[in-house]
C-alpha atoms as a PDB file:
ATOM      1  CA  MET A   1     -11.302  10.943  22.361  1.00  0.00           C
ATOM      2  CA  ALA A   2      -9.460   8.695  19.666  1.00  0.00           C
ATOM      3  CA  PRO A   3     -10.535   4.868  19.485  1.00  0.00           C
ATOM      4  CA  SER A   4      -7.964   2.967  21.280  1.00  0.00           C
ATOM      5  CA  ARG A   5      -6.014   0.035  19.222  1.00  0.00           C
ATOM      6  CA  ASP A   6      -8.217  -2.770  20.938  1.00  0.00           C
ATOM      7  CA  SER A   7     -11.284  -1.225  19.894  1.00  0.00           C
ATOM      8  CA  ALA A   8     -10.250  -1.052  17.053  1.00  0.00           C
ATOM      9  CA  LEU A   9      -9.842  -4.415  16.627  1.00  0.00           C
ATOM     10  CA  ASP A  10     -13.249  -5.370  17.742  1.00  0.00           C
ATOM     11  CA  GLU A  11     -15.032  -3.317  15.238  1.00  0.00           C
ATOM     12  CA  LYS A  12     -17.854  -4.596  13.189  1.00  0.00           C
ATOM     13  CA  PRO A  13     -17.370  -6.787  10.221  1.00  0.00           C
ATOM     14  CA  ILE A  14     -16.507  -5.280   6.456  1.00  0.00           C
ATOM     15  CA  LYS A  15     -19.447  -6.361   3.767  1.00  0.00           C
ATOM     16  CA  ILE A  16     -18.290  -5.829   0.159  1.00  0.00           C
ATOM     17  CA  ASP A  17     -20.190  -6.790  -2.656  1.00  0.00           C
ATOM     18  CA  LYS A  18     -18.620 -10.516  -3.058  1.00  0.00           C
ATOM     19  CA  TRP A  19     -18.411  -9.854  -7.150  1.00  0.00           C
ATOM     20  CA  ASP A  20     -16.114  -6.527  -6.863  1.00  0.00           C
ATOM     21  CA  SER A  21     -12.314  -7.873  -7.429  1.00  0.00           C
ATOM     22  CA  GLY A  22     -10.941  -4.452  -6.611  1.00  0.00           C
ATOM     23  CA  ALA A  23     -13.423  -3.930  -2.819  1.00  0.00           C
ATOM     24  CA  LEU A  24     -12.167  -7.811  -2.420  1.00  0.00           C
ATOM     25  CA  LYS A  25      -8.584  -6.700  -2.749  1.00  0.00           C
ATOM     26  CA  ASN A  26      -8.816  -3.846  -0.717  1.00  0.00           C
ATOM     27  CA  ALA A  27     -10.596  -5.939   2.121  1.00  0.00           C
ATOM     28  CA  LEU A  28      -7.679  -8.347   2.301  1.00  0.00           C
ATOM     29  CA  ASP A  29      -5.027  -5.670   2.088  1.00  0.00           C
ATOM     30  CA  ASP A  30      -6.498  -3.925   4.947  1.00  0.00           C
ATOM     31  CA  GLY A  31      -6.955  -6.983   6.947  1.00  0.00           C
ATOM     32  CA  ALA A  32      -3.073  -7.855   6.691  1.00  0.00           C
ATOM     33  CA  LYS A  33      -2.194  -4.334   7.207  1.00  0.00           C
ATOM     34  CA  LYS A  34      -4.671  -4.533  10.290  1.00  0.00           C
ATOM     35  CA  VAL A  35      -2.430  -7.177  11.418  1.00  0.00           C
ATOM     36  CA  PHE A  36       0.952  -5.731  11.110  1.00  0.00           C
ATOM     37  CA  VAL A  37      -0.174  -2.738  12.445  1.00  0.00           C
ATOM     38  CA  ASP A  38      -2.436  -2.864  15.103  1.00  0.00           C
ATOM     39  CA  ILE A  39      -1.529  -6.970  16.417  1.00  0.00           C
ATOM     40  CA  PHE A  40       2.373  -6.753  15.780  1.00  0.00           C
ATOM     41  CA  ARG A  41       2.647  -3.191  16.434  1.00  0.00           C
ATOM     42  CA  PHE A  42       4.596  -2.366  13.760  1.00  0.00           C
ATOM     43  CA  LYS A  43       5.239   1.110  12.443  1.00  0.00           C
ATOM     44  CA  GLU A  44       4.175   2.047   9.456  1.00  0.00           C
ATOM     45  CA  SER A  45       6.290   3.340   6.688  1.00  0.00           C
ATOM     46  CA  HIS A  46       5.133   6.029   4.060  1.00  0.00           C
ATOM     47  CA  MET A  47       7.914   6.663   2.159  1.00  0.00           C
ATOM     48  CA  LEU A  48       6.217   5.561  -1.200  1.00  0.00           C
ATOM     49  CA  MET A  49       2.997   7.329  -0.686  1.00  0.00           C
ATOM     50  CA  ASN A  50       5.093  10.222   0.366  1.00  0.00           C
ATOM     51  CA  GLY A  51       6.814   9.857  -3.071  1.00  0.00           C
ATOM     52  CA  ARG A  52       3.454   9.582  -5.536  1.00  0.00           C
ATOM     53  CA  LEU A  53       1.963  12.189  -3.328  1.00  0.00           C
ATOM     54  CA  PHE A  54       5.035  14.453  -4.171  1.00  0.00           C
ATOM     55  CA  LEU A  55       4.667  13.813  -7.819  1.00  0.00           C
ATOM     56  CA  CYS A  56       0.867  14.465  -7.939  1.00  0.00           C
ATOM     57  CA  THR A  57       1.925  18.024  -5.812  1.00  0.00           C
ATOM     58  CA  ILE A  58       4.282  19.177  -8.629  1.00  0.00           C
ATOM     59  CA  ALA A  59       1.732  18.599 -11.237  1.00  0.00           C
ATOM     60  CA  ILE A  60      -1.149  19.622  -9.930  1.00  0.00           C
ATOM     61  CA  GLY A  61       1.234  22.887  -8.839  1.00  0.00           C
ATOM     62  CA  PHE A  62       2.161  23.000 -12.534  1.00  0.00           C
ATOM     63  CA  ALA A  63      -1.760  23.050 -13.770  1.00  0.00           C
ATOM     64  CA  MET A  64      -2.964  25.919 -10.607  1.00  0.00           C
ATOM     65  CA  PHE A  65       0.017  28.281 -11.892  1.00  0.00           C
ATOM     66  CA  ALA A  66      -1.681  27.335 -15.794  1.00  0.00           C
ATOM     67  CA  LEU A  67      -5.093  28.495 -14.382  1.00  0.00           C
ATOM     68  CA  VAL A  68      -3.874  31.334 -12.377  1.00  0.00           C
ATOM     69  CA  TRP A  69      -1.681  32.598 -15.082  1.00  0.00           C
ATOM     70  CA  ASP A  70      -4.672  32.294 -17.671  1.00  0.00           C
ATOM     71  CA  TYR A  71      -6.748  34.379 -15.564  1.00  0.00           C
ATOM     72  CA  LEU A  72      -4.210  37.071 -15.378  1.00  0.00           C
ATOM     73  CA  TYR A  73      -3.081  36.764 -19.135  1.00  0.00           C
ATOM     74  CA  PRO A  74      -5.835  35.825 -21.091  1.00  0.00           C
ATOM     75  CA  PHE A  75      -5.445  33.515 -23.821  1.00  0.00           C
ATOM     76  CA  PRO A  76      -3.344  35.274 -26.496  1.00  0.00           C
ATOM     77  CA  GLN A  77      -0.755  36.142 -24.349  1.00  0.00           C
ATOM     78  CA  SER A  78      -0.693  33.523 -22.137  1.00  0.00           C
ATOM     79  CA  ARG A  79      -0.329  30.958 -24.864  1.00  0.00           C
ATOM     80  CA  ASN A  80       3.431  29.879 -24.197  1.00  0.00           C
ATOM     81  CA  VAL A  81       2.742  29.674 -20.371  1.00  0.00           C
ATOM     82  CA  LEU A  82       0.128  27.335 -21.007  1.00  0.00           C
ATOM     83  CA  LEU A  83       1.455  25.398 -23.400  1.00  0.00           C
ATOM     84  CA  CYS A  84       4.876  24.714 -21.081  1.00  0.00           C
ATOM     85  CA  CYS A  85       2.609  24.213 -18.006  1.00  0.00           C
ATOM     86  CA  VAL A  86       0.580  21.233 -20.036  1.00  0.00           C
ATOM     87  CA  ILE A  87       3.254  19.485 -21.495  1.00  0.00           C
ATOM     88  CA  ALA A  88       5.394  19.477 -17.998  1.00  0.00           C
ATOM     89  CA  TYR A  89       1.574  18.209 -16.464  1.00  0.00           C
ATOM     90  CA  PHE A  90       1.734  15.360 -18.728  1.00  0.00           C
ATOM     91  CA  ILE A  91       5.008  14.028 -18.266  1.00  0.00           C
ATOM     92  CA  LEU A  92       4.694  14.332 -14.758  1.00  0.00           C
ATOM     93  CA  MET A  93       1.629  12.018 -15.060  1.00  0.00           C
ATOM     94  CA  GLY A  94       4.055   9.767 -17.128  1.00  0.00           C
ATOM     95  CA  VAL A  95       6.494  10.205 -14.525  1.00  0.00           C
ATOM     96  CA  LEU A  96       3.657   9.032 -11.926  1.00  0.00           C
ATOM     97  CA  THR A  97       2.706   5.563 -13.999  1.00  0.00           C
ATOM     98  CA  VAL A  98       6.182   4.316 -14.099  1.00  0.00           C
ATOM     99  CA  TYR A  99       6.227   5.456 -10.438  1.00  0.00           C
ATOM    100  CA  LEU A 100       3.596   3.068  -9.674  1.00  0.00           C
ATOM    101  CA  THR A 101       4.479   0.798 -12.198  1.00  0.00           C
ATOM    102  CA  TYR A 102       8.149  -0.209 -11.055  1.00  0.00           C
ATOM    103  CA  ILE A 103       8.429   1.564  -7.633  1.00  0.00           C
ATOM    104  CA  GLU A 104       5.376   0.944  -6.114  1.00  0.00           C
ATOM    105  CA  LYS A 105       4.530  -2.537  -8.152  1.00  0.00           C
ATOM    106  CA  GLY A 106       1.541  -3.315  -6.150  1.00  0.00           C
ATOM    107  CA  ILE A 107       3.249  -2.385  -2.605  1.00  0.00           C
ATOM    108  CA  PHE A 108       0.066  -1.484   0.039  1.00  0.00           C
ATOM    109  CA  LEU A 109       2.502  -1.562   3.251  1.00  0.00           C
ATOM    110  CA  VAL A 110       5.769  -1.189   4.501  1.00  0.00           C
ATOM    111  CA  ALA A 111       5.803  -1.726   7.970  1.00  0.00           C
ATOM    112  CA  LEU A 112       8.778  -1.247  10.404  1.00  0.00           C
ATOM    113  CA  GLU A 113       9.611  -3.517  13.246  1.00  0.00           C
ATOM    114  CA  GLN A 114      11.946  -1.708  15.423  1.00  0.00           C
ATOM    115  CA  ASP A 115      14.562  -3.336  17.862  1.00  0.00           C
ATOM    116  CA  ARG A 116      13.508  -3.556  21.080  1.00  0.00           C
ATOM    117  CA  ALA A 117      16.854  -2.205  22.161  1.00  0.00           C
ATOM    118  CA  LYS A 118      16.964   0.783  19.304  1.00  0.00           C
ATOM    119  CA  MET A 119      20.320  -0.168  18.813  1.00  0.00           C
ATOM    120  CA  GLU A 120      20.320  -1.809  15.858  1.00  0.00           C
ATOM    121  CA  PRO A 121      18.504  -0.153  12.596  1.00  0.00           C
ATOM    122  CA  ASP A 122      14.676  -1.196  11.619  1.00  0.00           C
ATOM    123  CA  ASN A 123      13.705  -4.501  10.092  1.00  0.00           C
ATOM    124  CA  LYS A 124      11.338  -3.646   7.220  1.00  0.00           C
ATOM    125  CA  TRP A 125       8.427  -5.887   6.232  1.00  0.00           C
ATOM    126  CA  THR A 126       7.030  -5.701   2.616  1.00  0.00           C
ATOM    127  CA  LEU A 127       3.623  -6.526   1.974  1.00  0.00           C
ATOM    128  CA  GLN A 128       2.604  -6.741  -1.881  1.00  0.00           C
ATOM    129  CA  SER A 129      -0.769  -7.827  -3.534  1.00  0.00           C
ATOM    130  CA  SER A 130      -2.378  -8.453  -6.920  1.00  0.00           C
ATOM    131  CA  LEU A 131      -5.860  -9.683  -7.598  1.00  0.00           C
ATOM    132  CA  ARG A 132      -6.586  -9.694 -11.472  1.00  0.00           C
ATOM    133  CA  LYS A 133     -10.108  -8.737 -12.584  1.00  0.00           C
ATOM    134  CA  TYR A 134     -12.377 -11.718 -13.128  1.00  0.00           C
ATOM    135  CA  ASP A 135      -9.579 -13.948 -11.236  1.00  0.00           C
ATOM    136  CA  ASP A 136     -10.830 -15.183  -8.015  1.00  0.00           C
ATOM    137  CA  THR A 137      -7.146 -15.828  -6.286  1.00  0.00           C
ATOM    138  CA  TYR A 138      -5.515 -13.091  -4.138  1.00  0.00           C
ATOM    139  CA  HIS A 139      -2.221 -13.476  -4.713  1.00  0.00           C
ATOM    140  CA  LEU A 140       0.211 -12.087  -1.406  1.00  0.00           C
ATOM    141  CA  THR A 141       4.087 -11.348  -1.322  1.00  0.00           C
ATOM    142  CA  LEU A 142       5.052 -11.166   2.201  1.00  0.00           C
ATOM    143  CA  THR A 143       9.156  -9.345   2.139  1.00  0.00           C
ATOM    144  CA  PHE A 144      11.856  -9.516   4.963  1.00  0.00           C
ATOM    145  CA  THR A 145      14.502  -7.048   5.442  1.00  0.00           C
ATOM    146  CA  ASP A 146      17.039  -7.490   7.649  1.00  0.00           C
ATOM    147  CA  GLY A 147      17.839  -3.866   9.435  1.00  0.00           C
ATOM    148  CA  ARG A 148      21.634  -4.503   9.996  1.00  0.00           C
ATOM    149  CA  THR A 149      22.913  -6.935   7.091  1.00  0.00           C
ATOM    150  CA  GLN A 150      19.927  -5.682   4.303  1.00  0.00           C
ATOM    151  CA  GLU A 151      19.414  -9.173   3.283  1.00  0.00           C
ATOM    152  CA  GLU A 152      15.837  -9.715   1.872  1.00  0.00           C
ATOM    153  CA  ARG A 153      13.693 -12.630   2.054  1.00  0.00           C
ATOM    154  CA  SER A 154      10.688 -13.352   0.813  1.00  0.00           C
ATOM    155  CA  SER A 155       7.478 -15.838   0.526  1.00  0.00           C
ATOM    156  CA  SER A 156       4.226 -15.405  -1.649  1.00  0.00           C
ATOM    157  CA  ILE A 157       0.717 -17.226  -0.979  1.00  0.00           C
ATOM    158  CA  SER A 158      -1.988 -17.393  -3.516  1.00  0.00           C
ATOM    159  CA  ARG A 159      -5.282 -17.998  -2.047  1.00  0.00           C
ATOM    160  CA  CYS A 160      -9.162 -18.193  -3.637  1.00  0.00           C
ATOM    161  CA  VAL A 161     -11.051 -15.078  -2.299  1.00  0.00           C
ATOM    162  CA  ALA A 162     -13.735 -17.077  -1.367  1.00  0.00           C
ATOM    163  CA  ASN A 163     -11.531 -18.802   1.486  1.00  0.00           C
ATOM    164  CA  PHE A 164     -11.972 -15.587   3.576  1.00  0.00           C
ATOM    165  CA  PHE A 165     -15.319 -14.079   2.763  1.00  0.00           C
ATOM    166  CA  ASP A 166     -18.977 -16.151   3.653  1.00  0.00           C
ATOM    167  CA  GLU A 167     -22.313 -15.858   1.243  1.00  0.00           C
ATOM    168  CA  ASN A 168     -23.097 -12.585   1.775  1.00  0.00           C
ATOM    169  CA  GLY A 169     -19.674 -11.068   1.117  1.00  0.00           C
ATOM    170  CA  THR A 170     -18.917 -10.373   4.958  1.00  0.00           C
ATOM    171  CA  PHE A 171     -14.515 -10.727   5.402  1.00  0.00           C
ATOM    172  CA  CYS A 172     -13.911 -13.338   7.881  1.00  0.00           C
ATOM    173  CA  PHE A 173     -10.453 -11.787   9.580  1.00  0.00           C
ATOM    174  CA  ASP A 174     -10.317 -14.922  12.047  1.00  0.00           C
ATOM    175  CA  LEU A 175      -9.862 -16.827   8.905  1.00  0.00           C
ATOM    176  CA  PHE A 176      -7.459 -14.374   6.858  1.00  0.00           C
ATOM    177  CA  GLN A 177      -5.310 -13.538  10.239  1.00  0.00           C
ATOM    178  CA  PRO A 178      -3.785 -16.842  10.978  1.00  0.00           C
ATOM    179  CA  ILE A 179      -2.460 -16.957   7.293  1.00  0.00           C
ATOM    180  CA  ILE A 180      -0.590 -13.498   7.429  1.00  0.00           C
ATOM    181  CA  GLU A 181       0.589 -14.335  11.037  1.00  0.00           C
ATOM    182  CA  LYS A 182       2.033 -17.865  10.127  1.00  0.00           C
ATOM    183  CA  LEU A 183       3.843 -16.410   6.468  1.00  0.00           C
ATOM    184  CA  ARG A 184       5.434 -13.678   9.021  1.00  0.00           C
ATOM    185  CA  GLN A 185       6.679 -16.318  11.463  1.00  0.00           C
ATOM    186  CA  ASP A 186       8.094 -18.511   8.490  1.00  0.00           C
ATOM    187  CA  LEU A 187       9.808 -15.365   7.473  1.00  0.00           C
ATOM    188  CA  SER A 188      11.192 -14.870  10.993  1.00  0.00           C
ATOM    189  CA  SER A 189      11.971 -18.575  11.385  1.00  0.00           C
ATOM    190  CA  GLU A 190      14.085 -18.471   8.241  1.00  0.00           C
ATOM    191  CA  LYS A 191      15.937 -14.943   9.960  1.00  0.00           C
ATOM    192  CA  LYS A 192      16.727 -17.404  13.219  1.00  0.00           C
ATOM    193  CA  LYS A 193      18.003 -20.266  11.437  1.00  0.00           C
ATOM    194  CA  GLN A 194      20.692 -18.079   9.853  1.00  0.00           C
END
């Protein structure tokens, strides 16, 4: 039986190596995602991840085709096919790098806020973060896109990671959650003013 959403909120605290910037960023990203998906109950959109998986699947398809072709027709006969597959694979890896750099841009969550009456298009909340190696400042940008007007507004915070982790490396979600909620509230109140 799958755990309920309420029990997911009561899970044991996350403990990480506080000197590992990747683990710090992932813990903070997961905390922000938990606020939007588990607490606000927004629906997570997987379109960005699906684009990345699609590109990777095509690249792996070329690699698998080259492997099978070389097995059926050993090297001297398969030279041209192997060459084409290797070139296609590296081109797709370049396309994937461009996709990650210019399209994903550090976005770790796209959440859809559905209209209660289901008459209007979904509002979109995009969370983007960065934490440089050897830096202790976590940057989070929240972008709101109105489903009806397609108008975009964004707000950012930059905080020291020490504000959200204790000396043992345990993530203090109760200190992080109000900041995410306030960031969302600020963008929501701007929406109501207009």
